[in-house]
C-alpha atoms as a PDB file:
ATOM      1  CA  MET A   1      63.527 138.458  46.931  1.00  0.00           C
ATOM      2  CA  PRO A   2      66.281 137.785  49.522  1.00  0.00           C
ATOM      3  CA  ARG A   3      65.195 137.908  53.147  1.00  0.00           C
ATOM      4  CA  HIS A   4      66.803 139.821  56.009  1.00  0.00           C
ATOM      5  CA  ARG A   5      69.679 137.861  57.489  1.00  0.00           C
ATOM      6  CA  PRO A   6      71.182 138.090  60.957  1.00  0.00           C
ATOM      7  CA  ALA A   7      74.721 139.320  61.453  1.00  0.00           C
ATOM      8  CA  LEU A   8      77.469 136.955  60.320  1.00  0.00           C
ATOM      9  CA  PRO A   9      79.713 135.356  62.903  1.00  0.00           C
ATOM     10  CA  SER A  10      82.639 137.629  63.713  1.00  0.00           C
ATOM     11  CA  LEU A  11      85.112 134.900  62.666  1.00  0.00           C
ATOM     12  CA  LEU A  12      83.811 135.087  59.082  1.00  0.00           C
ATOM     13  CA  VAL A  13      83.957 138.873  59.167  1.00  0.00           C
ATOM     14  CA  MET A  14      87.573 138.797  60.335  1.00  0.00           C
ATOM     15  CA  LYS A  15      88.694 136.434  57.544  1.00  0.00           C
ATOM     16  CA  LEU A  16      87.237 138.454  54.666  1.00  0.00           C
ATOM     17  CA  HIS A  17      89.944 138.898  52.028  1.00  0.00           C
ATOM     18  CA  PRO A  18      90.448 142.453  50.634  1.00  0.00           C
ATOM     19  CA  ILE A  19      89.587 141.383  47.054  1.00  0.00           C
ATOM     20  CA  VAL A  20      86.288 139.963  48.315  1.00  0.00           C
ATOM     21  CA  ARG A  21      85.548 143.267  50.080  1.00  0.00           C
ATOM     22  CA  TYR A  22      86.279 145.112  46.836  1.00  0.00           C
ATOM     23  CA  TRP A  23      83.970 142.809  44.841  1.00  0.00           C
ATOM     24  CA  LEU A  24      81.231 143.213  47.466  1.00  0.00           C
ATOM     25  CA  LEU A  25      81.403 146.979  47.121  1.00  0.00           C
ATOM     26  CA  CYS A  26      81.486 146.671  43.344  1.00  0.00           C
ATOM     27  CA  LEU A  27      78.350 144.514  43.387  1.00  0.00           C
ATOM     28  CA  LEU A  28      76.604 147.001  45.660  1.00  0.00           C
ATOM     29  CA  VAL A  29      77.649 150.331  44.139  1.00  0.00           C
ATOM     30  CA  PRO A  30      78.267 150.358  40.376  1.00  0.00           C
ATOM     31  CA  LEU A  31      76.202 147.217  39.745  1.00  0.00           C
ATOM     32  CA  GLY A  32      73.264 148.427  41.847  1.00  0.00           C
ATOM     33  CA  GLY A  33      73.039 145.638  44.415  1.00  0.00           C
ATOM     34  CA  HIS A  34      72.481 148.271  47.100  1.00  0.00           C
ATOM     35  CA  ARG A  35      68.800 148.309  46.075  1.00  0.00           C
ATOM     36  CA  GLY A  36      68.379 144.823  47.507  1.00  0.00           C
ATOM     37  CA  PHE A  37      70.859 145.350  50.335  1.00  0.00           C
ATOM     38  CA  ILE A  38      68.895 148.238  51.825  1.00  0.00           C
ATOM     39  CA  GLN A  39      65.423 146.877  52.495  1.00  0.00           C
ATOM     40  CA  GLY A  40      63.249 149.597  53.927  1.00  0.00           C
ATOM     41  CA  ASN A  41      64.502 150.313  57.422  1.00  0.00           C
ATOM     42  CA  HIS A  42      66.959 147.435  57.674  1.00  0.00           C
ATOM     43  CA  PHE A  43      69.776 145.725  55.805  1.00  0.00           C
ATOM     44  CA  PHE A  44      69.618 142.442  53.927  1.00  0.00           C
ATOM     45  CA  ASP A  45      72.522 141.359  56.152  1.00  0.00           C
ATOM     46  CA  ASN A  46      73.731 143.267  59.225  1.00  0.00           C
ATOM     47  CA  GLY A  47      77.034 141.375  59.189  1.00  0.00           C
ATOM     48  CA  LEU A  48      77.702 142.613  55.669  1.00  0.00           C
ATOM     49  CA  ALA A  49      76.870 146.157  56.776  1.00  0.00           C
ATOM     50  CA  GLU A  50      79.418 145.863  59.570  1.00  0.00           C
ATOM     51  CA  VAL A  51      82.098 144.392  57.265  1.00  0.00           C
ATOM     52  CA  LEU A  52      81.614 147.344  54.939  1.00  0.00           C
ATOM     53  CA  GLY A  53      82.008 149.905  57.719  1.00  0.00           C
ATOM     54  CA  LEU A  54      78.312 150.689  58.100  1.00  0.00           C
ATOM     55  CA  SER A  55      77.939 149.663  61.740  1.00  0.00           C
ATOM     56  CA  GLN A  56      76.729 153.150  62.673  1.00  0.00           C
ATOM     57  CA  PHE A  57      73.621 152.386  60.587  1.00  0.00           C
ATOM     58  CA  THR A  58      73.027 148.959  62.135  1.00  0.00           C
ATOM     59  CA  GLU A  59      73.069 150.538  65.579  1.00  0.00           C
ATOM     60  CA  ALA A  60      70.474 153.152  64.593  1.00  0.00           C
ATOM     61  CA  SER A  61      66.810 152.779  65.371  1.00  0.00           C
ATOM     62  CA  GLN A  62      65.101 150.395  62.931  1.00  0.00           C
ATOM     63  CA  ASP A  63      62.755 153.117  61.711  1.00  0.00           C
ATOM     64  CA  ALA A  64      65.530 155.665  61.231  1.00  0.00           C
ATOM     65  CA  LEU A  65      67.689 154.089  58.510  1.00  0.00           C
ATOM     66  CA  ASP A  66      68.739 156.923  56.196  1.00  0.00           C
ATOM     67  CA  GLN A  67      68.991 155.174  52.817  1.00  0.00           C
ATOM     68  CA  LYS A  68      70.669 158.135  51.097  1.00  0.00           C
ATOM     69  CA  ALA A  69      73.336 158.281  53.797  1.00  0.00           C
ATOM     70  CA  VAL A  70      73.943 154.524  53.458  1.00  0.00           C
ATOM     71  CA  VAL A  71      74.368 154.805  49.675  1.00  0.00           C
ATOM     72  CA  ALA A  72      76.708 157.777  50.147  1.00  0.00           C
ATOM     73  CA  ALA A  73      78.768 155.755  52.648  1.00  0.00           C
ATOM     74  CA  LEU A  74      78.923 152.802  50.233  1.00  0.00           C
ATOM     75  CA  ARG A  75      80.056 155.109  47.423  1.00  0.00           C
ATOM     76  CA  HIS A  76      82.720 156.569  49.688  1.00  0.00           C
ATOM     77  CA  GLU A  77      84.004 153.084  50.602  1.00  0.00           C
ATOM     78  CA  PHE A  78      84.027 152.024  46.945  1.00  0.00           C
ATOM     79  CA  GLY A  79      85.755 155.268  45.966  1.00  0.00           C
ATOM     80  CA  GLN A  80      88.796 154.257  48.002  1.00  0.00           C
ATOM     81  CA  TYR A  81      89.495 151.591  45.355  1.00  0.00           C
ATOM     82  CA  GLN A  82      89.281 153.836  42.308  1.00  0.00           C
ATOM     83  CA  ALA A  83      93.044 154.277  41.944  1.00  0.00           C
ATOM     84  CA  PRO A  84      94.389 151.198  40.069  1.00  0.00           C
ATOM     85  CA  SER A  85      97.136 150.715  42.645  1.00  0.00           C
ATOM     86  CA  LYS A  86      94.498 150.374  45.367  1.00  0.00           C
ATOM     87  CA  CYS A  87      92.693 147.351  43.886  1.00  0.00           C
ATOM     88  CA  PRO A  88      93.618 144.318  45.964  1.00  0.00           C
ATOM     89  CA  ALA A  89      95.096 141.181  44.467  1.00  0.00           C
ATOM     90  CA  SER A  90      93.682 137.683  44.776  1.00  0.00           C
ATOM     91  CA  PRO A  91      94.890 135.542  47.685  1.00  0.00           C
ATOM     92  CA  PRO A  92      98.511 134.471  47.043  1.00  0.00           C
ATOM     93  CA  VAL A  93      97.766 130.726  47.046  1.00  0.00           C
ATOM     94  CA  LEU A  94      94.906 131.148  44.565  1.00  0.00           C
ATOM     95  CA  ARG A  95      97.054 133.381  42.379  1.00  0.00           C
ATOM     96  CA  ALA A  96      99.948 130.884  42.423  1.00  0.00           C
ATOM     97  CA  ASN A  97      97.639 127.997  41.526  1.00  0.00           C
ATOM     98  CA  THR A  98      96.054 130.008  38.726  1.00  0.00           C
ATOM     99  CA  LEU A  99      99.473 130.813  37.307  1.00  0.00           C
ATOM    100  CA  ARG A 100     100.372 127.110  37.393  1.00  0.00           C
ATOM    101  CA  LEU A 101      97.183 126.263  35.509  1.00  0.00           C
ATOM    102  CA  SER A 102      97.948 129.078  33.103  1.00  0.00           C
ATOM    103  CA  ALA A 103     101.271 127.493  32.245  1.00  0.00           C
ATOM    104  CA  LEU A 104      99.650 124.075  31.779  1.00  0.00           C
ATOM    105  CA  VAL A 105      96.669 125.009  29.611  1.00  0.00           C
ATOM    106  CA  GLY A 106      97.629 128.399  28.181  1.00  0.00           C
ATOM    107  CA  LEU A 107      95.314 130.763  30.067  1.00  0.00           C
ATOM    108  CA  THR A 108      95.395 134.467  29.271  1.00  0.00           C
ATOM    109  CA  GLY A 109      95.401 137.157  31.959  1.00  0.00           C
ATOM    110  CA  THR A 110      91.655 137.549  31.445  1.00  0.00           C
ATOM    111  CA  ASP A 111      91.154 133.785  31.772  1.00  0.00           C
ATOM    112  CA  CYS A 112      93.078 133.840  35.059  1.00  0.00           C
ATOM    113  CA  ALA A 113      91.044 136.764  36.417  1.00  0.00           C
ATOM    114  CA  ILE A 114      87.751 135.034  35.536  1.00  0.00           C
ATOM    115  CA  LEU A 115      88.921 131.751  37.062  1.00  0.00           C
ATOM    116  CA  GLU A 116      90.030 133.459  40.280  1.00  0.00           C
ATOM    117  CA  PHE A 117      86.687 135.247  40.579  1.00  0.00           C
ATOM    118  CA  ALA A 118      84.756 132.029  39.893  1.00  0.00           C
ATOM    119  CA  VAL A 119      86.716 130.172  42.578  1.00  0.00           C
ATOM    120  CA  MET A 120      86.076 132.926  45.115  1.00  0.00           C
ATOM    121  CA  LEU A 121      82.381 133.168  44.156  1.00  0.00           C
ATOM    122  CA  HIS A 122      81.927 129.437  44.713  1.00  0.00           C
ATOM    123  CA  ASN A 123      83.833 129.481  48.017  1.00  0.00           C
ATOM    124  CA  GLU A 124      82.875 132.740  49.742  1.00  0.00           C
ATOM    125  CA  ARG A 125      79.304 132.606  51.008  1.00  0.00           C
ATOM    126  CA  LEU A 126      79.080 136.362  51.508  1.00  0.00           C
ATOM    127  CA  LEU A 127      80.223 137.070  47.938  1.00  0.00           C
ATOM    128  CA  ASP A 128      77.640 134.632  46.598  1.00  0.00           C
ATOM    129  CA  ASP A 129      74.886 136.131  48.790  1.00  0.00           C
ATOM    130  CA  VAL A 130      75.632 139.678  47.645  1.00  0.00           C
ATOM    131  CA  ALA A 131      75.837 138.582  44.000  1.00  0.00           C
ATOM    132  CA  ASP A 132      72.324 137.161  44.468  1.00  0.00           C
ATOM    133  CA  LEU A 133      71.125 140.725  45.109  1.00  0.00           C
ATOM    134  CA  LEU A 134      71.576 141.328  41.369  1.00  0.00           C
ATOM    135  CA  GLY A 135      68.722 138.894  40.782  1.00  0.00           C
ATOM    136  CA  GLN A 136      68.305 136.589  37.803  1.00  0.00           C
ATOM    137  CA  LEU A 137      70.875 137.312  35.104  1.00  0.00           C
ATOM    138  CA  SER A 138      70.954 136.508  31.417  1.00  0.00           C
ATOM    139  CA  SER A 139      74.246 135.393  29.907  1.00  0.00           C
ATOM    140  CA  ASN A 140      74.704 138.858  28.405  1.00  0.00           C
ATOM    141  CA  ARG A 141      74.241 140.430  31.827  1.00  0.00           C
ATOM    142  CA  VAL A 142      76.793 137.987  33.310  1.00  0.00           C
ATOM    143  CA  PHE A 143      79.389 139.215  30.802  1.00  0.00           C
ATOM    144  CA  TYR A 144      78.643 142.809  31.792  1.00  0.00           C
ATOM    145  CA  VAL A 145      78.811 142.058  35.523  1.00  0.00           C
ATOM    146  CA  LEU A 146      82.156 140.271  35.141  1.00  0.00           C
ATOM    147  CA  SER A 147      83.426 143.170  33.052  1.00  0.00           C
ATOM    148  CA  VAL A 148      82.637 145.611  35.853  1.00  0.00           C
ATOM    149  CA  LEU A 149      83.916 143.365  38.650  1.00  0.00           C
ATOM    150  CA  LEU A 150      87.199 142.537  36.932  1.00  0.00           C
ATOM    151  CA  ASP A 151      87.658 145.879  35.160  1.00  0.00           C
ATOM    152  CA  ILE A 152      88.104 144.128  31.824  1.00  0.00           C
ATOM    153  CA  PRO A 153      86.285 145.142  28.613  1.00  0.00           C
ATOM    154  CA  GLU A 154      83.052 143.212  28.087  1.00  0.00           C
ATOM    155  CA  ASP A 155      84.072 141.947  24.639  1.00  0.00           C
ATOM    156  CA  THR A 156      87.262 140.490  26.147  1.00  0.00           C
ATOM    157  CA  ILE A 157      85.197 138.719  28.826  1.00  0.00           C
ATOM    158  CA  ARG A 158      82.802 137.449  26.163  1.00  0.00           C
ATOM    159  CA  THR A 159      85.705 136.063  24.098  1.00  0.00           C
ATOM    160  CA  ALA A 160      87.280 134.370  27.132  1.00  0.00           C
ATOM    161  CA  LEU A 161      83.987 132.696  28.039  1.00  0.00           C
ATOM    162  CA  ASN A 162      83.201 131.574  24.518  1.00  0.00           C
ATOM    163  CA  PRO A 163      82.371 127.842  24.434  1.00  0.00           C
ATOM    164  CA  GLN A 164      85.434 127.379  22.219  1.00  0.00           C
ATOM    165  CA  GLY A 165      87.695 129.326  24.618  1.00  0.00           C
ATOM    166  CA  VAL A 166      90.405 127.775  26.763  1.00  0.00           C
ATOM    167  CA  LEU A 167      88.371 128.040  29.975  1.00  0.00           C
ATOM    168  CA  ALA A 168      85.425 126.087  28.581  1.00  0.00           C
ATOM    169  CA  ARG A 169      87.507 123.568  26.589  1.00  0.00           C
ATOM    170  CA  SER A 170      89.665 122.808  29.631  1.00  0.00           C
ATOM    171  CA  GLY A 171      86.562 122.417  31.805  1.00  0.00           C
ATOM    172  CA  LEU A 172      87.697 125.098  34.234  1.00  0.00           C
ATOM    173  CA  VAL A 173      84.922 127.704  33.776  1.00  0.00           C
ATOM    174  CA  SER A 174      81.885 127.950  31.553  1.00  0.00           C
ATOM    175  CA  VAL A 175      78.713 130.020  31.424  1.00  0.00           C
ATOM    176  CA  THR A 176      75.329 128.359  31.334  1.00  0.00           C
ATOM    177  CA  ARG A 177      73.840 130.059  28.307  1.00  0.00           C
ATOM    178  CA  ASN A 178      70.208 128.973  28.441  1.00  0.00           C
ATOM    179  CA  GLY A 179      67.812 130.885  30.634  1.00  0.00           C
ATOM    180  CA  SER A 180      68.516 133.204  33.515  1.00  0.00           C
ATOM    181  CA  GLY A 181      70.043 132.466  36.885  1.00  0.00           C
ATOM    182  CA  THR A 182      72.044 133.881  39.727  1.00  0.00           C
ATOM    183  CA  LEU A 183      75.674 134.797  39.029  1.00  0.00           C
ATOM    184  CA  ARG A 184      76.952 131.661  40.754  1.00  0.00           C
ATOM    185  CA  GLY A 185      74.338 129.555  38.986  1.00  0.00           C
ATOM    186  CA  LYS A 186      75.395 130.903  35.589  1.00  0.00           C
ATOM    187  CA  ILE A 187      79.141 130.419  36.164  1.00  0.00           C
ATOM    188  CA  ASP A 188      80.086 126.724  36.305  1.00  0.00           C
END
């Protein structure tokens, strides 16, 4: 089980990209990561709480953390993204590079979305840490999690990550299919 972590440096908090914030909320709310994020009377990571607009709870007395109020606040924050036009895009440089790769190896839109998420997961410590709150995942659970995070049907995700798919054949992204592991550990 993850341990309590101190607040993140403010520089990291300031550089958090909007798509990463969206994925963090998605991991915590619809995917249930809030169960590991709220640990009794404290947060798994106070810096994450502050990034997500929960600083009023980090300033409260340690024995007064209202878990229901925290979950309600998380749901409210996540609810701001429910309109399709409100979902943030990937960073422009990442998007441009993904589109270049798409032209070279024939990636679909789903392939590009998976690749962009995988790159961000492997490069954003906070995203990786929050994904760890989901615990050990089977391959089937990984497909479901990606489906929720990327808002793409699970069968489409499953097809894109098939060992015979373009992502795996090109060596860009594959899923470790034996055993369970963290999200980052399952997505190579």
